[in-house]
N, C-alpha and C. Protein backbone atom coordinates (compact mmCIF):
# COMPACT_ATOMS: atom_id res chain seq x y z
N UNK A 1 -3.15 87.15 26.41
CA UNK A 1 -4.85 88.31 27.04
C UNK A 1 -4.31 89.84 26.90
N UNK A 2 -5.64 90.64 26.52
CA UNK A 2 -4.56 92.12 26.18
C UNK A 2 -5.26 92.61 27.28
N UNK A 3 -4.35 93.95 27.36
CA UNK A 3 -4.04 94.52 29.12
C UNK A 3 -5.25 95.50 27.53
N UNK A 4 -6.40 95.98 28.59
CA UNK A 4 -7.57 97.26 28.11
C UNK A 4 -6.18 98.43 27.90
N UNK A 5 -5.94 98.47 27.99
CA UNK A 5 -4.76 99.64 26.99
C UNK A 5 -4.37 98.93 25.84
N UNK A 6 -4.11 97.56 25.77
CA UNK A 6 -3.88 96.94 24.38
C UNK A 6 -4.83 96.82 23.06
N UNK A 7 -5.69 97.04 23.84
CA UNK A 7 -7.68 97.14 23.48
C UNK A 7 -7.79 97.69 22.33
N UNK A 8 -7.27 98.59 23.91
CA UNK A 8 -8.67 100.24 23.65
C UNK A 8 -7.59 101.18 22.42
N UNK A 9 -6.22 100.67 22.78
CA UNK A 9 -5.46 101.82 20.80
C UNK A 9 -5.15 101.33 19.85
N UNK A 10 -5.78 99.37 20.20
CA UNK A 10 -5.62 98.70 18.85
C UNK A 10 -6.83 99.30 17.99
N UNK A 11 -8.20 98.82 19.40
CA UNK A 11 -9.15 99.47 18.78
C UNK A 11 -9.30 100.65 18.11
N UNK A 12 -8.47 102.41 19.12
CA UNK A 12 -8.24 103.74 17.84
C UNK A 12 -7.54 103.60 17.06
N UNK A 13 -6.52 102.91 17.16
CA UNK A 13 -6.61 103.14 14.96
C UNK A 13 -6.14 102.27 13.86
N UNK A 14 -7.65 101.19 14.53
CA UNK A 14 -8.59 100.58 13.72
C UNK A 14 -9.94 102.21 13.70
N UNK A 15 -10.60 102.12 14.09
CA UNK A 15 -11.32 103.73 13.62
C UNK A 15 -9.75 104.94 12.58
N UNK A 16 -9.46 105.35 13.50
CA UNK A 16 -8.63 105.80 11.85
C UNK A 16 -8.74 104.95 11.44
N UNK A 17 -8.54 103.89 11.34
CA UNK A 17 -7.57 103.53 9.97
C UNK A 17 -9.38 103.09 8.89
N UNK A 18 -9.97 103.22 9.89
CA UNK A 18 -11.51 103.29 8.83
C UNK A 18 -11.63 104.59 8.90
N UNK A 19 -12.01 105.32 9.09
CA UNK A 19 -12.23 107.11 9.34
C UNK A 19 -11.14 107.30 8.16
N UNK A 20 -10.14 106.84 8.06
CA UNK A 20 -8.42 107.83 6.19
C UNK A 20 -10.02 107.90 4.57
N UNK A 21 -10.82 106.81 5.30
CA UNK A 21 -12.11 106.65 3.91
C UNK A 21 -11.05 106.22 3.02
N UNK A 22 -10.24 105.80 3.41
CA UNK A 22 -9.28 104.32 2.31
C UNK A 22 -10.40 102.66 1.84
N UNK A 23 -10.19 102.87 0.36
CA UNK A 23 -11.29 101.98 -0.35
C UNK A 23 -10.45 100.55 -0.64
N UNK A 24 -11.47 99.32 0.37
CA UNK A 24 -10.96 98.32 -0.25
C UNK A 24 -11.81 97.73 -1.00
N UNK A 25 -11.18 96.61 -1.21
CA UNK A 25 -12.19 95.92 -2.24
C UNK A 25 -13.19 94.91 -1.36
N UNK A 26 -13.41 94.80 -1.88
CA UNK A 26 -14.92 94.25 -1.28
C UNK A 26 -14.54 93.29 -1.12
N UNK A 27 -14.79 92.35 0.91
CA UNK A 27 -14.80 90.76 1.44
C UNK A 27 -15.77 90.54 1.67
N UNK A 28 -15.08 89.39 1.78
CA UNK A 28 -16.57 87.76 1.61
C UNK A 28 -17.78 88.59 2.42
N UNK A 29 -16.61 89.57 3.91
CA UNK A 29 -17.73 89.88 4.81
C UNK A 29 -18.90 90.84 4.35
N UNK A 30 -17.84 91.13 3.09
CA UNK A 30 -19.21 92.76 3.15
C UNK A 30 -19.99 92.83 1.80
N UNK A 31 -19.64 90.69 0.87
CA UNK A 31 -20.53 91.07 -0.17
C UNK A 31 -21.45 90.13 0.07
N UNK A 32 -22.53 91.38 -0.63
CA UNK A 32 -23.31 92.00 -0.06
C UNK A 32 -23.80 92.73 1.14
N UNK A 33 -23.86 93.22 1.91
CA UNK A 33 -24.44 94.13 2.46
C UNK A 33 -24.03 95.80 1.56
N UNK A 34 -23.51 96.12 1.06
CA UNK A 34 -24.20 97.66 0.32
C UNK A 34 -25.47 97.00 -0.73
N UNK A 35 -24.69 98.90 -0.69
CA UNK A 35 -26.77 99.63 -0.78
C UNK A 35 -26.42 100.13 -2.52
N UNK A 36 -26.95 100.35 -3.65
CA UNK A 36 -27.17 101.40 -4.71
C UNK A 36 -27.72 101.80 -4.72
N UNK A 37 -27.85 103.11 -5.07
CA UNK A 37 -29.34 103.94 -5.46
C UNK A 37 -29.52 104.58 -6.86
N UNK A 38 -30.45 103.98 -7.16
CA UNK A 38 -30.11 104.14 -7.92
C UNK A 38 -30.54 105.83 -8.90
N UNK A 39 -30.03 106.98 -7.71
CA UNK A 39 -30.12 107.89 -8.14
C UNK A 39 -28.65 108.10 -8.26
N UNK A 40 -27.70 107.09 -8.21
CA UNK A 40 -26.24 107.46 -8.08
C UNK A 40 -26.14 107.63 -9.41
N UNK A 41 -26.78 106.07 -10.17
CA UNK A 41 -26.90 106.05 -11.25
C UNK A 41 -27.44 105.99 -12.31
N UNK A 42 -28.02 107.91 -12.10
CA UNK A 42 -28.42 108.47 -13.19
C UNK A 42 -29.73 109.05 -12.69
N UNK A 43 -30.53 107.81 -11.98
CA UNK A 43 -32.15 108.14 -12.42
C UNK A 43 -32.74 109.87 -11.65
N UNK A 44 -33.30 109.63 -12.11
CA UNK A 44 -34.33 111.17 -12.91
C UNK A 44 -35.64 111.09 -11.41
N UNK A 45 -36.16 110.37 -11.33
CA UNK A 45 -37.37 110.29 -10.41
C UNK A 45 -38.20 110.52 -10.67
N UNK A 46 -38.44 111.00 -11.85
CA UNK A 46 -39.33 112.40 -11.57
C UNK A 46 -40.59 111.59 -12.70
N UNK A 47 -41.15 111.50 -12.97
CA UNK A 47 -41.98 110.12 -13.26
C UNK A 47 -42.58 110.37 -14.43
N UNK A 48 -41.33 111.52 -15.34
CA UNK A 48 -40.96 111.94 -16.88
C UNK A 48 -40.21 110.90 -18.54
N UNK A 49 -39.25 110.98 -17.27
CA UNK A 49 -37.38 110.70 -18.22
C UNK A 49 -37.36 108.59 -18.10
N UNK A 50 -37.33 108.81 -18.99
CA UNK A 50 -37.00 106.47 -17.95
C UNK A 50 -36.04 106.20 -17.60
N UNK A 51 -36.02 105.87 -17.24
CA UNK A 51 -35.30 105.12 -15.65
C UNK A 51 -34.57 104.07 -15.64
N UNK A 52 -34.54 103.11 -16.82
CA UNK A 52 -34.51 102.36 -17.20
C UNK A 52 -33.22 101.79 -16.79
N UNK A 53 -32.30 102.85 -17.88
CA UNK A 53 -30.96 102.10 -17.67
C UNK A 53 -29.81 102.69 -16.49
N UNK A 54 -31.06 103.29 -15.50
CA UNK A 54 -30.05 103.71 -14.42
C UNK A 54 -30.62 102.64 -13.84
N UNK A 55 -31.43 102.45 -13.86
CA UNK A 55 -32.01 101.03 -12.76
C UNK A 55 -31.22 100.06 -12.98
N UNK A 56 -30.74 99.97 -14.51
CA UNK A 56 -29.95 98.07 -14.45
C UNK A 56 -28.50 98.12 -14.51
N UNK A 57 -28.21 100.05 -14.54
CA UNK A 57 -26.57 99.98 -13.92
C UNK A 57 -26.90 99.62 -13.06
N UNK A 58 -27.92 100.11 -11.81
CA UNK A 58 -27.11 100.01 -10.47
C UNK A 58 -27.22 99.01 -10.62
N UNK A 59 -28.30 97.80 -11.00
CA UNK A 59 -28.63 96.90 -10.72
C UNK A 59 -26.86 95.26 -10.80
N UNK A 60 -26.31 96.33 -12.00
CA UNK A 60 -25.01 95.42 -12.44
C UNK A 60 -24.52 95.22 -12.37
N UNK A 61 -23.88 97.03 -11.16
CA UNK A 61 -22.88 97.44 -10.28
C UNK A 61 -23.43 96.45 -9.16
N UNK A 62 -24.76 96.21 -8.59
CA UNK A 62 -24.30 95.34 -7.81
C UNK A 62 -24.22 94.29 -7.40
N UNK A 63 -24.88 93.22 -8.26
CA UNK A 63 -24.11 91.74 -8.73
C UNK A 63 -22.58 91.94 -9.23
N UNK A 64 -22.56 93.43 -9.74
CA UNK A 64 -20.24 92.83 -10.34
C UNK A 64 -19.73 92.57 -8.66
N UNK A 65 -20.20 93.29 -8.01
CA UNK A 65 -19.86 92.99 -5.92
C UNK A 65 -19.58 91.90 -4.94
N UNK A 66 -20.28 91.24 -6.29
CA UNK A 66 -21.58 90.14 -5.06
C UNK A 66 -23.03 90.24 -4.19
N UNK A 67 -23.34 91.09 -4.74
CA UNK A 67 -24.05 91.57 -4.50
C UNK A 67 -25.10 92.46 -2.93
N UNK A 68 -26.33 92.91 -2.78
CA UNK A 68 -26.58 93.18 -1.91
C UNK A 68 -27.93 93.73 -2.36
N UNK A 69 -28.20 95.50 -1.96
CA UNK A 69 -29.39 96.49 -2.43
C UNK A 69 -30.26 97.18 -2.90
N UNK A 70 -30.22 97.23 -4.12
CA UNK A 70 -30.49 98.00 -4.86
C UNK A 70 -31.84 99.40 -4.59
N UNK A 71 -32.06 100.72 -4.13
CA UNK A 71 -32.55 101.41 -3.92
C UNK A 71 -33.48 101.77 -4.55
N UNK A 72 -35.08 101.85 -4.71
CA UNK A 72 -35.87 102.91 -5.32
C UNK A 72 -35.71 104.13 -4.75
N UNK A 73 -35.69 105.29 -4.26
CA UNK A 73 -35.93 106.55 -3.40
C UNK A 73 -37.65 106.93 -3.79
N UNK A 74 -37.69 108.08 -2.85
CA UNK A 74 -38.93 108.19 -2.56
C UNK A 74 -38.90 109.09 -4.69
N UNK A 75 -39.56 108.81 -5.40
CA UNK A 75 -39.77 109.86 -6.44
C UNK A 75 -40.07 108.73 -6.88
N UNK A 76 -40.57 108.64 -8.28
CA UNK A 76 -41.83 108.96 -9.64
C UNK A 76 -40.79 108.40 -10.62
N UNK A 77 -39.98 106.75 -9.91
CA UNK A 77 -39.95 106.51 -11.26
C UNK A 77 -40.44 105.58 -12.85
N UNK A 78 -40.15 106.13 -13.97
CA UNK A 78 -40.28 105.85 -15.00
C UNK A 78 -39.54 104.35 -15.97
N UNK A 79 -39.80 102.49 -15.39
CA UNK A 79 -38.84 102.19 -16.56
C UNK A 79 -39.52 101.73 -17.14
N UNK A 80 -38.11 100.25 -17.81
CA UNK A 80 -38.76 99.72 -18.89
C UNK A 80 -38.66 98.29 -18.81
N UNK A 81 -37.93 97.09 -19.28
CA UNK A 81 -37.66 96.31 -18.70
C UNK A 81 -36.76 96.21 -18.44
N UNK A 82 -35.87 95.43 -16.61
CA UNK A 82 -34.61 95.45 -16.22
C UNK A 82 -33.90 94.02 -15.61
N UNK A 83 -33.55 93.36 -15.81
CA UNK A 83 -33.14 91.47 -15.84
C UNK A 83 -32.40 92.22 -14.46
N UNK A 84 -33.51 91.55 -13.30
CA UNK A 84 -32.38 91.23 -11.87
C UNK A 84 -31.95 89.17 -11.77
N UNK A 85 -31.01 90.17 -11.44
CA UNK A 85 -29.80 89.40 -11.46
C UNK A 85 -28.78 88.38 -9.98
N UNK A 86 -28.01 87.02 -9.46
CA UNK A 86 -28.39 87.26 -8.16
C UNK A 86 -27.95 87.56 -7.27
N UNK A 87 -27.77 87.63 -5.87
CA UNK A 87 -27.49 88.04 -5.17
C UNK A 87 -28.19 90.18 -4.98
N UNK A 88 -29.40 89.86 -5.81
CA UNK A 88 -29.81 91.74 -5.26
C UNK A 88 -30.62 91.98 -5.46
N UNK A 89 -30.82 92.24 -4.47
CA UNK A 89 -32.76 92.46 -3.57
C UNK A 89 -32.18 94.54 -3.68
N UNK A 90 -34.42 94.50 -4.27
CA UNK A 90 -34.93 95.37 -4.90
C UNK A 90 -36.02 95.55 -4.14
N UNK A 91 -34.82 96.87 -3.02
CA UNK A 91 -36.09 97.33 -2.13
C UNK A 91 -36.25 99.08 -2.99
N UNK A 92 -37.55 98.72 -2.78
CA UNK A 92 -38.76 100.18 -3.35
C UNK A 92 -39.51 100.92 -1.76
N UNK A 93 -38.86 101.83 -1.40
CA UNK A 93 -38.85 103.29 -0.25
C UNK A 93 -40.05 103.01 -0.67
N UNK A 94 -40.82 103.25 0.84
CA UNK A 94 -42.24 103.73 1.29
C UNK A 94 -42.40 104.24 -0.21
N UNK A 95 -42.40 105.93 0.02
CA UNK A 95 -41.90 107.36 -1.20
C UNK A 95 -41.99 106.61 -2.33
N UNK A 96 -41.11 106.46 -2.68
CA UNK A 96 -41.37 105.56 -4.46
C UNK A 96 -42.35 104.49 -5.22
N UNK A 97 -42.64 105.14 -6.38
CA UNK A 97 -42.78 105.10 -7.52
C UNK A 97 -42.77 104.15 -7.88
N UNK A 98 -42.56 103.42 -8.82
CA UNK A 98 -42.69 102.66 -10.33
C UNK A 98 -42.99 102.30 -11.24
N UNK A 99 -43.50 102.56 -12.31
CA UNK A 99 -44.28 102.46 -12.97
C UNK A 99 -43.65 101.93 -14.52
N UNK A 100 -43.73 100.92 -14.29
CA UNK A 100 -43.98 100.51 -16.26
C UNK A 100 -44.61 100.18 -17.64
N UNK A 101 -43.41 100.81 -17.90
CA UNK A 101 -43.82 100.62 -19.56
C UNK A 101 -43.08 99.69 -20.83
N UNK A 102 -43.37 99.41 -21.28
CA UNK A 102 -43.88 98.63 -22.48
C UNK A 102 -42.65 98.95 -23.38
N UNK A 103 -42.55 99.75 -23.41
CA UNK A 103 -41.06 100.34 -24.42
C UNK A 103 -41.55 101.99 -24.28
N UNK A 104 -40.20 103.06 -24.80
CA UNK A 104 -39.78 104.28 -24.13
C UNK A 104 -40.49 105.07 -25.52
N UNK A 105 -41.06 104.19 -26.89
CA UNK A 105 -41.89 104.82 -27.72
C UNK A 105 -43.31 104.54 -27.36
N UNK A 106 -43.54 103.85 -25.61
CA UNK A 106 -45.56 104.43 -25.63
C UNK A 106 -45.10 105.24 -24.06
N UNK A 107 -43.63 106.21 -24.03
CA UNK A 107 -44.48 107.31 -23.93
C UNK A 107 -45.38 109.02 -24.42
C-alpha cells in the first residue's frame, strides 16, 4: 500500500516527465489516439490548390502509426482519388469542405 505522500511524489514526477516533451514511441495504449491534420502535411485548403498528396500523406502517416484520425479542418480542400486504410478515421470539421475532382487535368 502506498502512502499519500508517495502517490503525490510519483504523480509529480510523472507530470514533469510528460511535460518535458520527450517523444515516446507509439505504444499499444496510444495506437489509434493520434490526430493527423492535413494542413500539417502541406494541404492549403484554399479551394484552388490540389491537396490530394497532402491528404494521402496524412492517411499514410496515420496508418503507419497504427491508426488514428485524419482531420480535414475548416477550409475548401480540392482532392482527387485517395486510398483510405485500415484503422484510419477521416473526420471532416463542420467548416471543412472537400471537393472531389476526377483528375488534376480537369482544373
